[in-house]
Amino acid sequence: MFRSIPRLARAHPARRAAWGLCAATALLASLAQAAPAPWYYWRSKVDGARVCAQVSPGHGWVRDSAAYDGAGCQPRPKVYVIPMR
């Protein structure tokens, strides 16, 4: 008789609410930790050309700089907050 009804649907309402809260907490925790990939300068082993990219352009390229937080190998823009009087 109960085979067609999922097990969680038959559970006590408090237990279903607890599972829902756990799922929502896990989702929010995973979203809070997401960050964009850093940018790097990459140098060609063949001719020494430099390229700005988040991942290696392929075989034959080596990372040639430290990580940049801003897009396109630019430093992160500085934001100044001036309090109002």
N, C-alpha and C. Protein backbone atom coordinates (compact mmCIF):
# COMPACT_ATOMS: atom_id res chain seq x y z
N MET A 1 0.81 -1.19 0.00
CA MET A 1 0.00 0.00 0.00
C MET A 1 0.86 1.27 0.00
N PHE A 2 1.92 1.30 0.80
CA PHE A 2 2.75 2.49 0.89
C PHE A 2 3.91 2.48 -0.10
N ARG A 3 4.02 1.51 -0.94
CA ARG A 3 5.17 1.42 -1.84
C ARG A 3 5.23 2.56 -2.84
N SER A 4 4.10 3.10 -3.23
CA SER A 4 4.11 4.17 -4.22
C SER A 4 4.39 5.54 -3.61
N ILE A 5 4.28 5.69 -2.30
CA ILE A 5 4.53 6.96 -1.63
C ILE A 5 5.98 6.98 -1.15
N PRO A 6 6.76 8.01 -1.52
CA PRO A 6 8.15 8.07 -1.05
C PRO A 6 8.23 8.05 0.47
N ARG A 7 9.32 7.52 0.97
CA ARG A 7 9.49 7.33 2.40
C ARG A 7 9.48 8.66 3.15
N LEU A 8 10.10 9.71 2.57
CA LEU A 8 10.15 11.00 3.24
C LEU A 8 8.76 11.62 3.34
N ALA A 9 7.89 11.37 2.36
CA ALA A 9 6.54 11.92 2.40
C ALA A 9 5.73 11.30 3.53
N ARG A 10 6.05 10.07 3.90
CA ARG A 10 5.33 9.42 4.99
C ARG A 10 5.88 9.80 6.36
N ALA A 11 7.03 10.48 6.39
CA ALA A 11 7.68 10.80 7.66
C ALA A 11 6.87 11.84 8.43
N HIS A 12 7.19 11.95 9.67
CA HIS A 12 6.55 12.92 10.55
C HIS A 12 6.83 14.33 10.03
N PRO A 13 5.89 15.26 10.13
CA PRO A 13 6.10 16.62 9.60
C PRO A 13 7.33 17.32 10.19
N ALA A 14 7.63 17.08 11.46
CA ALA A 14 8.81 17.70 12.06
C ALA A 14 10.09 17.16 11.43
N ARG A 15 10.10 15.89 11.11
CA ARG A 15 11.27 15.29 10.48
C ARG A 15 11.46 15.83 9.06
N ARG A 16 10.35 16.01 8.33
CA ARG A 16 10.44 16.59 6.99
C ARG A 16 10.97 18.02 7.06
N ALA A 17 10.52 18.78 8.04
CA ALA A 17 10.99 20.16 8.19
C ALA A 17 12.48 20.18 8.53
N ALA A 18 12.92 19.25 9.35
CA ALA A 18 14.34 19.19 9.70
C ALA A 18 15.18 18.88 8.47
N TRP A 19 14.72 17.94 7.63
CA TRP A 19 15.46 17.62 6.41
C TRP A 19 15.48 18.81 5.46
N GLY A 20 14.38 19.52 5.37
CA GLY A 20 14.34 20.71 4.52
C GLY A 20 15.30 21.78 5.01
N LEU A 21 15.37 21.96 6.33
CA LEU A 21 16.29 22.94 6.90
C LEU A 21 17.74 22.54 6.65
N CYS A 22 18.04 21.26 6.77
CA CYS A 22 19.40 20.78 6.49
C CYS A 22 19.77 21.00 5.03
N ALA A 23 18.85 20.73 4.13
CA ALA A 23 19.12 20.92 2.70
C ALA A 23 19.33 22.39 2.38
N ALA A 24 18.51 23.26 2.94
CA ALA A 24 18.66 24.70 2.70
C ALA A 24 19.99 25.22 3.26
N THR A 25 20.39 24.74 4.43
CA THR A 25 21.65 25.16 5.04
C THR A 25 22.83 24.70 4.18
N ALA A 26 22.78 23.49 3.68
CA ALA A 26 23.86 22.98 2.82
C ALA A 26 23.96 23.78 1.53
N LEU A 27 22.82 24.13 0.96
CA LEU A 27 22.82 24.91 -0.27
C LEU A 27 23.41 26.30 -0.03
N LEU A 28 23.01 26.96 1.03
CA LEU A 28 23.54 28.29 1.32
C LEU A 28 25.03 28.25 1.65
N ALA A 29 25.48 27.21 2.33
CA ALA A 29 26.90 27.09 2.65
C ALA A 29 27.73 26.90 1.39
N SER A 30 27.23 26.13 0.44
CA SER A 30 27.98 25.92 -0.79
C SER A 30 28.01 27.19 -1.64
N LEU A 31 26.94 27.97 -1.63
CA LEU A 31 26.92 29.22 -2.39
C LEU A 31 27.81 30.28 -1.76
N ALA A 32 27.92 30.29 -0.46
CA ALA A 32 28.71 31.30 0.23
C ALA A 32 30.21 31.12 -0.02
N GLN A 33 30.64 29.92 -0.34
CA GLN A 33 32.05 29.64 -0.52
C GLN A 33 32.50 29.80 -1.97
N ALA A 34 31.58 30.01 -2.89
CA ALA A 34 31.94 30.13 -4.30
C ALA A 34 32.63 31.46 -4.56
N ALA A 35 33.67 31.43 -5.37
CA ALA A 35 34.42 32.63 -5.73
C ALA A 35 34.91 32.49 -7.16
N PRO A 36 35.09 33.59 -7.86
CA PRO A 36 35.60 33.49 -9.23
C PRO A 36 37.06 33.04 -9.25
N ALA A 37 37.45 32.43 -10.33
CA ALA A 37 38.83 31.97 -10.48
C ALA A 37 39.76 33.16 -10.66
N PRO A 38 40.96 33.11 -10.12
CA PRO A 38 41.91 34.22 -10.31
C PRO A 38 42.46 34.24 -11.74
N TRP A 39 42.98 35.38 -12.14
CA TRP A 39 43.58 35.57 -13.46
C TRP A 39 45.10 35.49 -13.33
N TYR A 40 45.77 34.99 -14.37
CA TYR A 40 47.22 34.87 -14.40
C TYR A 40 47.75 35.30 -15.77
N TYR A 41 49.01 35.73 -15.79
CA TYR A 41 49.72 35.87 -17.06
C TYR A 41 50.37 34.53 -17.35
N TRP A 42 50.25 34.07 -18.60
CA TRP A 42 50.85 32.83 -19.04
C TRP A 42 51.88 33.16 -20.12
N ARG A 43 53.05 32.52 -20.07
CA ARG A 43 54.14 32.75 -21.03
C ARG A 43 54.35 31.50 -21.87
N SER A 44 54.49 31.72 -23.17
CA SER A 44 54.72 30.62 -24.10
C SER A 44 56.16 30.13 -23.98
N LYS A 45 56.35 28.81 -24.00
CA LYS A 45 57.68 28.23 -23.99
C LYS A 45 58.35 28.35 -25.36
N VAL A 46 57.55 28.57 -26.39
CA VAL A 46 58.08 28.61 -27.76
C VAL A 46 58.67 29.98 -28.09
N ASP A 47 57.85 31.04 -27.96
CA ASP A 47 58.33 32.37 -28.39
C ASP A 47 58.29 33.42 -27.28
N GLY A 48 57.88 33.06 -26.06
CA GLY A 48 57.87 34.00 -24.95
C GLY A 48 56.70 34.95 -24.93
N ALA A 49 55.71 34.76 -25.79
CA ALA A 49 54.52 35.62 -25.80
C ALA A 49 53.77 35.47 -24.49
N ARG A 50 53.11 36.54 -24.05
CA ARG A 50 52.35 36.51 -22.79
C ARG A 50 50.87 36.69 -23.08
N VAL A 51 50.06 35.93 -22.34
CA VAL A 51 48.61 35.96 -22.48
C VAL A 51 48.01 36.02 -21.09
N CYS A 52 46.93 36.77 -20.94
CA CYS A 52 46.20 36.83 -19.67
C CYS A 52 44.99 35.90 -19.76
N ALA A 53 44.89 34.94 -18.82
CA ALA A 53 43.76 34.00 -18.83
C ALA A 53 43.60 33.41 -17.43
N GLN A 54 42.41 32.84 -17.19
CA GLN A 54 42.15 32.21 -15.90
C GLN A 54 42.70 30.79 -15.85
N VAL A 55 42.75 30.12 -16.98
CA VAL A 55 43.28 28.75 -17.05
C VAL A 55 44.38 28.71 -18.10
N SER A 56 45.18 27.67 -18.08
CA SER A 56 46.28 27.54 -19.02
C SER A 56 45.77 27.48 -20.45
N PRO A 57 46.39 28.22 -21.39
CA PRO A 57 45.98 28.15 -22.78
C PRO A 57 46.27 26.80 -23.43
N GLY A 58 47.06 25.97 -22.79
CA GLY A 58 47.34 24.64 -23.32
C GLY A 58 48.76 24.20 -23.01
N HIS A 59 49.14 23.12 -23.65
CA HIS A 59 50.47 22.56 -23.46
C HIS A 59 51.49 23.55 -24.03
N GLY A 60 52.58 23.76 -23.34
CA GLY A 60 53.61 24.68 -23.82
C GLY A 60 53.50 26.07 -23.22
N TRP A 61 52.63 26.26 -22.24
CA TRP A 61 52.48 27.55 -21.57
C TRP A 61 52.77 27.36 -20.08
N VAL A 62 53.47 28.33 -19.46
CA VAL A 62 53.76 28.29 -18.04
C VAL A 62 53.23 29.57 -17.39
N ARG A 63 52.83 29.45 -16.15
CA ARG A 63 52.31 30.61 -15.43
C ARG A 63 53.46 31.58 -15.16
N ASP A 64 53.23 32.86 -15.45
CA ASP A 64 54.30 33.85 -15.42
C ASP A 64 54.04 34.97 -14.40
N SER A 65 53.01 34.85 -13.57
CA SER A 65 52.74 35.91 -12.60
C SER A 65 51.98 35.34 -11.42
N ALA A 66 51.86 36.19 -10.41
CA ALA A 66 51.02 35.83 -9.26
C ALA A 66 49.55 36.04 -9.66
N ALA A 67 48.65 35.59 -8.83
CA ALA A 67 47.22 35.70 -9.13
C ALA A 67 46.75 37.15 -9.03
N TYR A 68 45.86 37.52 -9.95
CA TYR A 68 45.20 38.82 -9.94
C TYR A 68 43.76 38.60 -9.53
N ASP A 69 43.24 39.46 -8.66
CA ASP A 69 41.84 39.33 -8.24
C ASP A 69 40.89 39.96 -9.23
N GLY A 70 41.35 41.01 -9.90
CA GLY A 70 40.49 41.70 -10.85
C GLY A 70 40.43 40.96 -12.18
N ALA A 71 39.41 41.27 -12.97
CA ALA A 71 39.25 40.63 -14.27
C ALA A 71 40.30 41.15 -15.24
N GLY A 72 40.76 40.28 -16.14
CA GLY A 72 41.69 40.68 -17.18
C GLY A 72 43.06 41.07 -16.67
N CYS A 73 43.55 40.41 -15.63
CA CYS A 73 44.88 40.66 -15.05
C CYS A 73 45.05 42.10 -14.55
N GLN A 74 43.98 42.69 -14.12
CA GLN A 74 44.02 44.02 -13.52
C GLN A 74 43.85 43.87 -12.01
N PRO A 75 44.50 44.73 -11.24
CA PRO A 75 44.28 44.65 -9.79
C PRO A 75 42.84 44.99 -9.45
N ARG A 76 42.40 44.47 -8.34
CA ARG A 76 41.03 44.76 -7.89
C ARG A 76 40.90 46.26 -7.66
N PRO A 77 39.84 46.88 -8.17
CA PRO A 77 39.69 48.32 -7.98
C PRO A 77 39.50 48.65 -6.49
N LYS A 78 40.12 49.73 -6.07
CA LYS A 78 39.98 50.16 -4.69
C LYS A 78 38.72 50.99 -4.56
N VAL A 79 37.96 50.67 -3.57
CA VAL A 79 36.71 51.39 -3.32
C VAL A 79 36.85 52.12 -2.01
N TYR A 80 36.65 53.41 -2.07
CA TYR A 80 36.74 54.23 -0.88
C TYR A 80 35.34 54.60 -0.42
N VAL A 81 35.05 54.39 0.83
CA VAL A 81 33.75 54.74 1.39
C VAL A 81 33.95 56.01 2.20
N ILE A 82 33.28 57.06 1.77
CA ILE A 82 33.38 58.35 2.46
C ILE A 82 32.09 58.54 3.25
N PRO A 83 32.19 58.58 4.57
CA PRO A 83 30.96 58.71 5.36
C PRO A 83 30.33 60.08 5.16
N MET A 84 29.02 60.10 5.14
CA MET A 84 28.30 61.36 5.01
C MET A 84 28.17 62.02 6.37
N ARG A 85 28.16 63.32 6.37
CA ARG A 85 28.03 64.05 7.63
C ARG A 85 26.61 64.31 7.98
